[in-house]
């Protein structure tokens, strides 16, 4: 074969190889088009179909409610009366009768539990004061109370009105200073009416329209109150508190007197214990309070 013939043969083989490669590429190209958006394939649609099934499902979604955190409190059910009449419940500095007496408790006091100890077959509750106290130096040492003289209460503890929250439109409390009566209404219907004790002349309960902005089952109240009253008092575990005045006026139970129906307080609204608990349970943070003559 001469040189020209050899050159022509080489050129023909090259062209044939090039054409073969093109044909081969064209043949394989459709197999690579499974990701072409204009040619959807089963794998691409699988996620979409599964999502559609979830969206169109008629099964009802079960939402589990979040239970409020409850704290343990004790209420003294076997103690002395409002004027320390009868045997009082002794608070001990430790879990046992052989520990020193710290103070005496009257019936109706409510205190927060910080722990419990079983010693010689008897349960003792340790009391905690995780609140602001005006005269903390009056509270010294640990407080332990025997379980035989109290009952356990469960409560959410202190609750405050959220910033910007509206007052309740369905519940209303009216405090009548001239009648020394409290009236509670829900949807215009009378819920309860009860004799009370508002502030004496030197420390009157403020008049006006207020909103309950805080409630707590237990409060350590102390006097004197600077700029308000020089009267000394020391009252641990004041029960069923509904705060309605930023100056400190509170609706609460009173375990230290029974003079309801006449002014008797340092500015708060005092109620009998059972009725105070009833009102506390019923009233929401945000409930309107009207104090009138």
C-alpha atoms as a PDB file:
ATOM      1  CA  UNK A   1       0.000   0.000   0.000  1.00  0.00           C
ATOM      2  CA  UNK A   2       1.429   3.389  -1.016  1.00  0.00           C
ATOM      3  CA  UNK A   3       1.651   6.435   1.241  1.00  0.00           C
ATOM      4  CA  UNK A   4      -1.483   8.119  -0.168  1.00  0.00           C
ATOM      5  CA  UNK A   5      -3.575   5.003   0.291  1.00  0.00           C
ATOM      6  CA  UNK A   6      -2.309   4.613   3.833  1.00  0.00           C
ATOM      7  CA  UNK A   7      -3.229   8.226   4.671  1.00  0.00           C
ATOM      8  CA  UNK A   8      -6.767   7.816   3.290  1.00  0.00           C
ATOM      9  CA  UNK A   9      -7.289   4.607   5.273  1.00  0.00           C
ATOM     10  CA  UNK A  10      -6.127   6.270   8.521  1.00  0.00           C
ATOM     11  CA  UNK A  11      -8.482   9.229   7.952  1.00  0.00           C
ATOM     12  CA  UNK A  12     -11.445   6.888   7.347  1.00  0.00           C
ATOM     13  CA  UNK A  13     -10.757   4.936  10.556  1.00  0.00           C
ATOM     14  CA  UNK A  14     -10.515   8.190  12.575  1.00  0.00           C
ATOM     15  CA  UNK A  15     -13.820   9.469  11.183  1.00  0.00           C
ATOM     16  CA  UNK A  16     -15.487   6.129  11.854  1.00  0.00           C
ATOM     17  CA  UNK A  17     -14.208   6.162  15.435  1.00  0.00           C
ATOM     18  CA  UNK A  18     -15.470   9.722  15.919  1.00  0.00           C
ATOM     19  CA  UNK A  19     -18.890   8.819  14.513  1.00  0.00           C
ATOM     20  CA  UNK A  20     -19.032   5.745  16.733  1.00  0.00           C
ATOM     21  CA  UNK A  21     -18.274   7.873  19.808  1.00  0.00           C
ATOM     22  CA  UNK A  22     -21.020  10.317  18.893  1.00  0.00           C
ATOM     23  CA  UNK A  23     -23.522   7.544  18.384  1.00  0.00           C
ATOM     24  CA  UNK A  24     -22.521   5.957  21.695  1.00  0.00           C
ATOM     25  CA  UNK A  25     -22.854   9.305  23.523  1.00  0.00           C
ATOM     26  CA  UNK A  26     -26.294   9.925  22.013  1.00  0.00           C
ATOM     27  CA  UNK A  27     -27.384   6.456  23.067  1.00  0.00           C
ATOM     28  CA  UNK A  28     -26.313   6.898  26.727  1.00  0.00           C
ATOM     29  CA  UNK A  29     -27.547  10.490  27.158  1.00  0.00           C
ATOM     30  CA  UNK A  30     -31.235   9.593  27.864  1.00  0.00           C
ATOM     31  CA  UNK A  31     -30.113   7.274  30.684  1.00  0.00           C
ATOM     32  CA  UNK A  32     -28.496  10.276  32.366  1.00  0.00           C
ATOM     33  CA  UNK A  33     -31.667  12.367  32.043  1.00  0.00           C
ATOM     34  CA  UNK A  34     -33.332  10.895  35.173  1.00  0.00           C
ATOM     35  CA  UNK A  35     -32.506  14.211  36.890  1.00  0.00           C
ATOM     36  CA  UNK A  36     -33.927  16.360  34.076  1.00  0.00           C
ATOM     37  CA  UNK A  37     -36.636  18.612  35.612  1.00  0.00           C
ATOM     38  CA  UNK A  38     -38.726  18.298  32.468  1.00  0.00           C
ATOM     39  CA  UNK A  39     -38.718  14.498  32.813  1.00  0.00           C
ATOM     40  CA  UNK A  40     -39.753  13.787  36.466  1.00  0.00           C
ATOM     41  CA  UNK A  41     -38.930  10.319  37.643  1.00  0.00           C
ATOM     42  CA  UNK A  42     -40.181   8.145  40.479  1.00  0.00           C
ATOM     43  CA  UNK A  43     -37.387   8.978  42.915  1.00  0.00           C
ATOM     44  CA  UNK A  44     -38.003  12.717  42.608  1.00  0.00           C
ATOM     45  CA  UNK A  45     -41.750  12.429  43.213  1.00  0.00           C
ATOM     46  CA  UNK A  46     -41.453  10.036  46.157  1.00  0.00           C
ATOM     47  CA  UNK A  47     -40.791  12.757  48.740  1.00  0.00           C
ATOM     48  CA  UNK A  48     -43.543  14.928  47.327  1.00  0.00           C
ATOM     49  CA  UNK A  49     -46.063  12.116  47.470  1.00  0.00           C
ATOM     50  CA  UNK A  50     -45.120  11.267  51.047  1.00  0.00           C
ATOM     51  CA  UNK A  51     -45.496  14.880  52.110  1.00  0.00           C
ATOM     52  CA  UNK A  52     -48.908  15.021  50.493  1.00  0.00           C
ATOM     53  CA  UNK A  53     -50.002  11.974  52.448  1.00  0.00           C
ATOM     54  CA  UNK A  54     -49.027  13.662  55.712  1.00  0.00           C
ATOM     55  CA  UNK A  55     -50.793  16.896  54.830  1.00  0.00           C
ATOM     56  CA  UNK A  56     -53.998  15.224  53.667  1.00  0.00           C
ATOM     57  CA  UNK A  57     -54.184  12.806  56.601  1.00  0.00           C
ATOM     58  CA  UNK A  58     -57.474  12.920  58.502  1.00  0.00           C
ATOM     59  CA  UNK A  59     -55.937  11.498  61.671  1.00  0.00           C
ATOM     60  CA  UNK A  60     -56.420  13.876  64.629  1.00  0.00           C
ATOM     61  CA  UNK A  61     -53.205  15.166  66.155  1.00  0.00           C
ATOM     62  CA  UNK A  62     -53.058  14.587  69.887  1.00  0.00           C
ATOM     63  CA  UNK A  63     -51.622  17.571  71.798  1.00  0.00           C
ATOM     64  CA  UNK A  64     -50.587  16.737  75.338  1.00  0.00           C
ATOM     65  CA  UNK A  65     -51.245  19.585  77.805  1.00  0.00           C
ATOM     66  CA  UNK A  66     -48.356  20.956  79.825  1.00  0.00           C
ATOM     67  CA  UNK A  67     -49.169  20.429  83.476  1.00  0.00           C
ATOM     68  CA  UNK A  68     -48.346  23.337  85.822  1.00  0.00           C
ATOM     69  CA  UNK A  69     -45.578  22.833  88.334  1.00  0.00           C
ATOM     70  CA  UNK A  70     -47.103  22.381  91.783  1.00  0.00           C
ATOM     71  CA  UNK A  71     -45.414  23.164  95.082  1.00  0.00           C
ATOM     72  CA  UNK A  72     -46.135  21.676  98.476  1.00  0.00           C
ATOM     73  CA  UNK A  73     -47.491  23.852 101.254  1.00  0.00           C
ATOM     74  CA  UNK A  74     -48.745  22.980 104.706  1.00  0.00           C
ATOM     75  CA  UNK A  75     -51.801  24.421 106.416  1.00  0.00           C
ATOM     76  CA  UNK A  76     -51.900  24.287 110.216  1.00  0.00           C
ATOM     77  CA  UNK A  77     -55.099  22.457 111.178  1.00  0.00           C
ATOM     78  CA  UNK A  78     -54.273  21.792 114.825  1.00  0.00           C
ATOM     79  CA  UNK A  79     -52.994  24.964 116.423  1.00  0.00           C
ATOM     80  CA  UNK A  80     -54.102  27.738 118.731  1.00  0.00           C
ATOM     81  CA  UNK A  81     -56.803  30.294 117.973  1.00  0.00           C
ATOM     82  CA  UNK A  82     -56.412  33.864 116.727  1.00  0.00           C
ATOM     83  CA  UNK A  83     -55.474  35.217 120.163  1.00  0.00           C
ATOM     84  CA  UNK A  84     -53.153  32.290 121.011  1.00  0.00           C
ATOM     85  CA  UNK A  85     -56.013  30.647 122.864  1.00  0.00           C
ATOM     86  CA  UNK A  86     -55.519  26.903 123.223  1.00  0.00           C
ATOM     87  CA  UNK A  87     -52.403  24.854 122.457  1.00  0.00           C
ATOM     88  CA  UNK A  88     -50.292  26.220 119.607  1.00  0.00           C
ATOM     89  CA  UNK A  89     -48.205  24.215 117.155  1.00  0.00           C
ATOM     90  CA  UNK A  90     -44.554  24.442 118.120  1.00  0.00           C
ATOM     91  CA  UNK A  91     -41.982  24.998 115.406  1.00  0.00           C
ATOM     92  CA  UNK A  92     -38.724  23.159 116.145  1.00  0.00           C
ATOM     93  CA  UNK A  93     -35.181  23.951 115.032  1.00  0.00           C
ATOM     94  CA  UNK A  94     -34.779  20.346 113.851  1.00  0.00           C
ATOM     95  CA  UNK A  95     -36.849  17.246 113.054  1.00  0.00           C
ATOM     96  CA  UNK A  96     -37.747  16.082 116.559  1.00  0.00           C
ATOM     97  CA  UNK A  97     -39.377  17.033 119.845  1.00  0.00           C
ATOM     98  CA  UNK A  98     -35.938  17.213 121.449  1.00  0.00           C
ATOM     99  CA  UNK A  99     -35.001  20.247 119.338  1.00  0.00           C
ATOM    100  CA  UNK A 100     -35.503  23.802 120.590  1.00  0.00           C
ATOM    101  CA  UNK A 101     -38.760  25.655 120.039  1.00  0.00           C
ATOM    102  CA  UNK A 102     -38.447  28.405 117.452  1.00  0.00           C
ATOM    103  CA  UNK A 103     -41.948  29.905 117.469  1.00  0.00           C
ATOM    104  CA  UNK A 104     -45.636  29.038 117.801  1.00  0.00           C
ATOM    105  CA  UNK A 105     -48.137  28.687 114.971  1.00  0.00           C
ATOM    106  CA  UNK A 106     -51.838  29.413 114.952  1.00  0.00           C
ATOM    107  CA  UNK A 107     -54.514  27.531 113.057  1.00  0.00           C
ATOM    108  CA  UNK A 108     -54.863  28.538 109.405  1.00  0.00           C
ATOM    109  CA  UNK A 109     -51.245  29.476 108.753  1.00  0.00           C
ATOM    110  CA  UNK A 110     -49.979  28.330 105.326  1.00  0.00           C
ATOM    111  CA  UNK A 111     -46.240  27.747 104.803  1.00  0.00           C
ATOM    112  CA  UNK A 112     -44.140  26.461 101.921  1.00  0.00           C
ATOM    113  CA  UNK A 113     -42.450  23.072 102.277  1.00  0.00           C
ATOM    114  CA  UNK A 114     -38.777  22.764 101.396  1.00  0.00           C
ATOM    115  CA  UNK A 115     -38.286  19.123 102.380  1.00  0.00           C
ATOM    116  CA  UNK A 116     -39.351  16.319 104.675  1.00  0.00           C
ATOM    117  CA  UNK A 117     -37.637  14.055 107.177  1.00  0.00           C
ATOM    118  CA  UNK A 118     -38.884  10.828 108.778  1.00  0.00           C
ATOM    119  CA  UNK A 119     -37.379  10.333 112.223  1.00  0.00           C
ATOM    120  CA  UNK A 120     -38.443   7.695 114.740  1.00  0.00           C
ATOM    121  CA  UNK A 121     -41.502   6.971 112.626  1.00  0.00           C
ATOM    122  CA  UNK A 122     -42.680  10.593 112.564  1.00  0.00           C
ATOM    123  CA  UNK A 123     -42.678  12.861 109.496  1.00  0.00           C
ATOM    124  CA  UNK A 124     -41.384  16.400 109.800  1.00  0.00           C
ATOM    125  CA  UNK A 125     -41.681  19.150 107.196  1.00  0.00           C
ATOM    126  CA  UNK A 126     -38.922  21.688 106.735  1.00  0.00           C
ATOM    127  CA  UNK A 127     -40.278  25.174 106.044  1.00  0.00           C
ATOM    128  CA  UNK A 128     -38.690  27.566 103.545  1.00  0.00           C
ATOM    129  CA  UNK A 129     -39.177  31.290 103.000  1.00  0.00           C
ATOM    130  CA  UNK A 130     -38.150  31.847  99.376  1.00  0.00           C
ATOM    131  CA  UNK A 131     -39.655  35.331  99.294  1.00  0.00           C
ATOM    132  CA  UNK A 132     -38.671  38.877 100.078  1.00  0.00           C
ATOM    133  CA  UNK A 133     -38.936  39.508 103.837  1.00  0.00           C
ATOM    134  CA  UNK A 134     -38.992  43.038 105.225  1.00  0.00           C
ATOM    135  CA  UNK A 135     -37.218  42.135 108.474  1.00  0.00           C
ATOM    136  CA  UNK A 136     -35.232  38.957 107.719  1.00  0.00           C
ATOM    137  CA  UNK A 137     -33.350  39.160 111.016  1.00  0.00           C
ATOM    138  CA  UNK A 138     -36.535  38.024 112.738  1.00  0.00           C
ATOM    139  CA  UNK A 139     -36.293  34.633 111.019  1.00  0.00           C
ATOM    140  CA  UNK A 140     -33.486  32.673 112.657  1.00  0.00           C
ATOM    141  CA  UNK A 141     -32.470  29.052 112.231  1.00  0.00           C
ATOM    142  CA  UNK A 142     -34.372  26.226 110.592  1.00  0.00           C
ATOM    143  CA  UNK A 143     -38.104  25.624 110.942  1.00  0.00           C
ATOM    144  CA  UNK A 144     -39.506  22.097 111.263  1.00  0.00           C
ATOM    145  CA  UNK A 145     -43.168  21.210 111.775  1.00  0.00           C
ATOM    146  CA  UNK A 146     -44.597  17.806 112.730  1.00  0.00           C
ATOM    147  CA  UNK A 147     -46.873  16.335 110.050  1.00  0.00           C
ATOM    148  CA  UNK A 148     -49.495  15.251 112.603  1.00  0.00           C
ATOM    149  CA  UNK A 149     -50.763  18.820 113.005  1.00  0.00           C
ATOM    150  CA  UNK A 150     -50.914  20.004 109.392  1.00  0.00           C
ATOM    151  CA  UNK A 151     -52.333  19.061 106.026  1.00  0.00           C
ATOM    152  CA  UNK A 152     -50.550  19.177 102.679  1.00  0.00           C
ATOM    153  CA  UNK A 153     -51.727  21.573  99.964  1.00  0.00           C
ATOM    154  CA  UNK A 154     -50.557  21.657  96.348  1.00  0.00           C
ATOM    155  CA  UNK A 155     -50.427  25.014  94.594  1.00  0.00           C
ATOM    156  CA  UNK A 156     -48.708  26.651  91.619  1.00  0.00           C
ATOM    157  CA  UNK A 157     -47.145  29.184  93.952  1.00  0.00           C
ATOM    158  CA  UNK A 158     -46.756  32.856  93.146  1.00  0.00           C
ATOM    159  CA  UNK A 159     -48.379  33.958  89.886  1.00  0.00           C
ATOM    160  CA  UNK A 160     -47.979  37.396  88.335  1.00  0.00           C
ATOM    161  CA  UNK A 161     -49.891  39.306  85.690  1.00  0.00           C
ATOM    162  CA  UNK A 162     -47.919  39.260  82.462  1.00  0.00           C
ATOM    163  CA  UNK A 163     -46.825  42.627  81.077  1.00  0.00           C
ATOM    164  CA  UNK A 164     -49.520  44.033  78.815  1.00  0.00           C
ATOM    165  CA  UNK A 165     -52.106  41.432  79.817  1.00  0.00           C
ATOM    166  CA  UNK A 166     -55.694  42.649  79.925  1.00  0.00           C
ATOM    167  CA  UNK A 167     -57.910  42.572  82.999  1.00  0.00           C
ATOM    168  CA  UNK A 168     -60.559  39.870  83.212  1.00  0.00           C
ATOM    169  CA  UNK A 169     -63.889  40.891  81.714  1.00  0.00           C
ATOM    170  CA  UNK A 170     -65.914  38.134  83.392  1.00  0.00           C
ATOM    171  CA  UNK A 171     -64.868  38.291  87.064  1.00  0.00           C
ATOM    172  CA  UNK A 172     -65.096  41.268  89.402  1.00  0.00           C
ATOM    173  CA  UNK A 173     -64.568  41.806  93.134  1.00  0.00           C
ATOM    174  CA  UNK A 174     -66.250  44.694  94.952  1.00  0.00           C
ATOM    175  CA  UNK A 175     -64.999  45.780  98.385  1.00  0.00           C
ATOM    176  CA  UNK A 176     -67.488  48.039 100.169  1.00  0.00           C
ATOM    177  CA  UNK A 177     -65.768  49.942 102.966  1.00  0.00           C
ATOM    178  CA  UNK A 178     -68.946  51.362 104.494  1.00  0.00           C
ATOM    179  CA  UNK A 179     -70.670  47.972 104.596  1.00  0.00           C
ATOM    180  CA  UNK A 180     -67.462  46.077 105.416  1.00  0.00           C
ATOM    181  CA  UNK A 181     -68.532  43.522 102.829  1.00  0.00           C
ATOM    182  CA  UNK A 182     -66.891  41.836  99.856  1.00  0.00           C
ATOM    183  CA  UNK A 183     -68.864  40.782  96.789  1.00  0.00           C
ATOM    184  CA  UNK A 184     -67.524  38.620  93.961  1.00  0.00           C
ATOM    185  CA  UNK A 185     -69.254  38.402  90.580  1.00  0.00           C
ATOM    186  CA  UNK A 186     -68.788  36.240  87.503  1.00  0.00           C
ATOM    187  CA  UNK A 187     -70.612  37.147  84.289  1.00  0.00           C
ATOM    188  CA  UNK A 188     -72.785  39.456  86.364  1.00  0.00           C
ATOM    189  CA  UNK A 189     -73.870  36.682  88.739  1.00  0.00           C
ATOM    190  CA  UNK A 190     -73.034  36.861  92.444  1.00  0.00           C
ATOM    191  CA  UNK A 191     -70.441  34.226  93.322  1.00  0.00           C
ATOM    192  CA  UNK A 192     -70.010  35.056  97.011  1.00  0.00           C
ATOM    193  CA  UNK A 193     -70.573  37.785  99.602  1.00  0.00           C
ATOM    194  CA  UNK A 194     -68.694  37.897 102.877  1.00  0.00           C
ATOM    195  CA  UNK A 195     -68.064  40.210 105.853  1.00  0.00           C
ATOM    196  CA  UNK A 196     -64.513  41.567 105.823  1.00  0.00           C
ATOM    197  CA  UNK A 197     -62.205  43.935 107.672  1.00  0.00           C
ATOM    198  CA  UNK A 198     -60.660  46.807 105.744  1.00  0.00           C
ATOM    199  CA  UNK A 199     -58.084  49.312 107.001  1.00  0.00           C
ATOM    200  CA  UNK A 200     -58.585  51.390 110.105  1.00  0.00           C
ATOM    201  CA  UNK A 201     -58.779  55.201 109.892  1.00  0.00           C
ATOM    202  CA  UNK A 202     -55.008  55.711 110.115  1.00  0.00           C
ATOM    203  CA  UNK A 203     -54.284  53.070 107.444  1.00  0.00           C
ATOM    204  CA  UNK A 204     -57.353  52.967 105.182  1.00  0.00           C
ATOM    205  CA  UNK A 205     -57.775  50.547 102.303  1.00  0.00           C
ATOM    206  CA  UNK A 206     -57.326  52.646  99.122  1.00  0.00           C
ATOM    207  CA  UNK A 207     -60.415  53.433  97.055  1.00  0.00           C
ATOM    208  CA  UNK A 208     -60.528  53.012  93.295  1.00  0.00           C
ATOM    209  CA  UNK A 209     -60.506  50.424  90.539  1.00  0.00           C
ATOM    210  CA  UNK A 210     -57.611  47.984  90.517  1.00  0.00           C
ATOM    211  CA  UNK A 211     -56.465  44.726  88.959  1.00  0.00           C
ATOM    212  CA  UNK A 212     -55.169  41.644  90.750  1.00  0.00           C
ATOM    213  CA  UNK A 213     -51.573  41.562  89.546  1.00  0.00           C
ATOM    214  CA  UNK A 214     -50.230  38.820  91.820  1.00  0.00           C
ATOM    215  CA  UNK A 215     -51.524  35.906  93.855  1.00  0.00           C
ATOM    216  CA  UNK A 216     -49.674  33.628  96.236  1.00  0.00           C
ATOM    217  CA  UNK A 217     -50.873  31.089  98.806  1.00  0.00           C
ATOM    218  CA  UNK A 218     -48.444  32.234 101.512  1.00  0.00           C
ATOM    219  CA  UNK A 219     -46.812  35.510 102.513  1.00  0.00           C
ATOM    220  CA  UNK A 220     -44.687  36.575 105.475  1.00  0.00           C
ATOM    221  CA  UNK A 221     -46.096  39.973 106.532  1.00  0.00           C
ATOM    222  CA  UNK A 222     -44.272  42.258 108.951  1.00  0.00           C
ATOM    223  CA  UNK A 223     -44.536  45.740 110.389  1.00  0.00           C
ATOM    224  CA  UNK A 224     -43.788  48.562 110.964  1.00  0.00           C
ATOM    225  CA  UNK A 225     -44.365  49.785 107.420  1.00  0.00           C
ATOM    226  CA  UNK A 226     -42.083  52.786 106.798  1.00  0.00           C
ATOM    227  CA  UNK A 227     -44.118  55.846 105.906  1.00  0.00           C
ATOM    228  CA  UNK A 228     -47.407  54.017 106.450  1.00  0.00           C
ATOM    229  CA  UNK A 229     -47.656  52.560 109.931  1.00  0.00           C
ATOM    230  CA  UNK A 230     -45.480  52.279 113.025  1.00  0.00           C
ATOM    231  CA  UNK A 231     -47.394  49.248 114.273  1.00  0.00           C
ATOM    232  CA  UNK A 232     -45.252  46.192 115.003  1.00  0.00           C
ATOM    233  CA  UNK A 233     -46.451  42.805 113.779  1.00  0.00           C
ATOM    234  CA  UNK A 234     -44.862  39.575 112.638  1.00  0.00           C
ATOM    235  CA  UNK A 235     -47.163  37.234 110.725  1.00  0.00           C
ATOM    236  CA  UNK A 236     -45.623  34.222 108.958  1.00  0.00           C
ATOM    237  CA  UNK A 237     -47.719  32.265 106.517  1.00  0.00           C
ATOM    238  CA  UNK A 238     -50.519  34.761 105.834  1.00  0.00           C
ATOM    239  CA  UNK A 239     -52.766  32.693 103.549  1.00  0.00           C
ATOM    240  CA  UNK A 240     -54.544  33.197 100.211  1.00  0.00           C
ATOM    241  CA  UNK A 241     -53.133  36.520  99.030  1.00  0.00           C
ATOM    242  CA  UNK A 242     -54.577  38.533  96.131  1.00  0.00           C
ATOM    243  CA  UNK A 243     -52.472  41.660  95.460  1.00  0.00           C
ATOM    244  CA  UNK A 244     -54.403  44.530  93.874  1.00  0.00           C
ATOM    245  CA  UNK A 245     -52.524  47.722  94.864  1.00  0.00           C
ATOM    246  CA  UNK A 246     -48.912  48.559  94.051  1.00  0.00           C
ATOM    247  CA  UNK A 247     -48.744  50.201  97.493  1.00  0.00           C
ATOM    248  CA  UNK A 248     -49.227  46.777  99.078  1.00  0.00           C
ATOM    249  CA  UNK A 249     -52.974  46.381  99.635  1.00  0.00           C
ATOM    250  CA  UNK A 250     -53.918  42.698  99.550  1.00  0.00           C
ATOM    251  CA  UNK A 251     -57.050  40.602  99.965  1.00  0.00           C
ATOM    252  CA  UNK A 252     -56.087  37.684 102.220  1.00  0.00           C
ATOM    253  CA  UNK A 253     -57.119  35.393 105.027  1.00  0.00           C
ATOM    254  CA  UNK A 254     -56.559  36.521 108.612  1.00  0.00           C
ATOM    255  CA  UNK A 255     -55.719  33.987 111.312  1.00  0.00           C
ATOM    256  CA  UNK A 256     -54.912  36.562 114.049  1.00  0.00           C
ATOM    257  CA  UNK A 257     -58.367  38.082 114.616  1.00  0.00           C
ATOM    258  CA  UNK A 258     -62.066  37.388 114.154  1.00  0.00           C
ATOM    259  CA  UNK A 259     -63.383  40.966 114.000  1.00  0.00           C
ATOM    260  CA  UNK A 260     -64.845  40.707 110.505  1.00  0.00           C
ATOM    261  CA  UNK A 261     -67.530  43.239 109.697  1.00  0.00           C
ATOM    262  CA  UNK A 262     -65.545  46.190 111.080  1.00  0.00           C
ATOM    263  CA  UNK A 263     -62.303  47.999 110.095  1.00  0.00           C
ATOM    264  CA  UNK A 264     -59.354  46.186 111.652  1.00  0.00           C
ATOM    265  CA  UNK A 265     -56.394  46.025 109.268  1.00  0.00           C
ATOM    266  CA  UNK A 266     -53.352  48.083 108.300  1.00  0.00           C
ATOM    267  CA  UNK A 267     -54.805  48.655 104.828  1.00  0.00           C
ATOM    268  CA  UNK A 268     -55.419  45.158 103.518  1.00  0.00           C
ATOM    269  CA  UNK A 269     -58.768  43.417 103.129  1.00  0.00           C
ATOM    270  CA  UNK A 270     -58.991  40.687 105.790  1.00  0.00           C
ATOM    271  CA  UNK A 271     -61.266  37.682 105.296  1.00  0.00           C
ATOM    272  CA  UNK A 272     -62.169  34.570 107.312  1.00  0.00           C
ATOM    273  CA  UNK A 273     -59.848  31.710 106.398  1.00  0.00           C
ATOM    274  CA  UNK A 274     -62.227  29.358 104.580  1.00  0.00           C
ATOM    275  CA  UNK A 275     -63.811  32.159 102.560  1.00  0.00           C
ATOM    276  CA  UNK A 276     -60.404  33.609 101.687  1.00  0.00           C
ATOM    277  CA  UNK A 277     -59.325  30.257 100.253  1.00  0.00           C
ATOM    278  CA  UNK A 278     -62.557  30.015  98.275  1.00  0.00           C
ATOM    279  CA  UNK A 279     -62.026  33.476  96.786  1.00  0.00           C
ATOM    280  CA  UNK A 280     -58.340  32.784  96.102  1.00  0.00           C
ATOM    281  CA  UNK A 281     -59.162  29.607  94.190  1.00  0.00           C
ATOM    282  CA  UNK A 282     -61.850  31.376  92.152  1.00  0.00           C
ATOM    283  CA  UNK A 283     -60.074  34.656  91.359  1.00  0.00           C
ATOM    284  CA  UNK A 284     -57.700  34.883  88.407  1.00  0.00           C
ATOM    285  CA  UNK A 285     -54.694  37.102  88.032  1.00  0.00           C
ATOM    286  CA  UNK A 286     -56.202  39.985  86.074  1.00  0.00           C
ATOM    287  CA  UNK A 287     -59.504  40.078  87.973  1.00  0.00           C
ATOM    288  CA  UNK A 288     -60.861  43.600  88.519  1.00  0.00           C
ATOM    289  CA  UNK A 289     -61.152  44.871  92.108  1.00  0.00           C
ATOM    290  CA  UNK A 290     -63.336  47.878  92.930  1.00  0.00           C
ATOM    291  CA  UNK A 291     -62.973  49.467  96.381  1.00  0.00           C
ATOM    292  CA  UNK A 292     -65.801  51.859  97.193  1.00  0.00           C
ATOM    293  CA  UNK A 293     -67.554  53.518 100.127  1.00  0.00           C
END
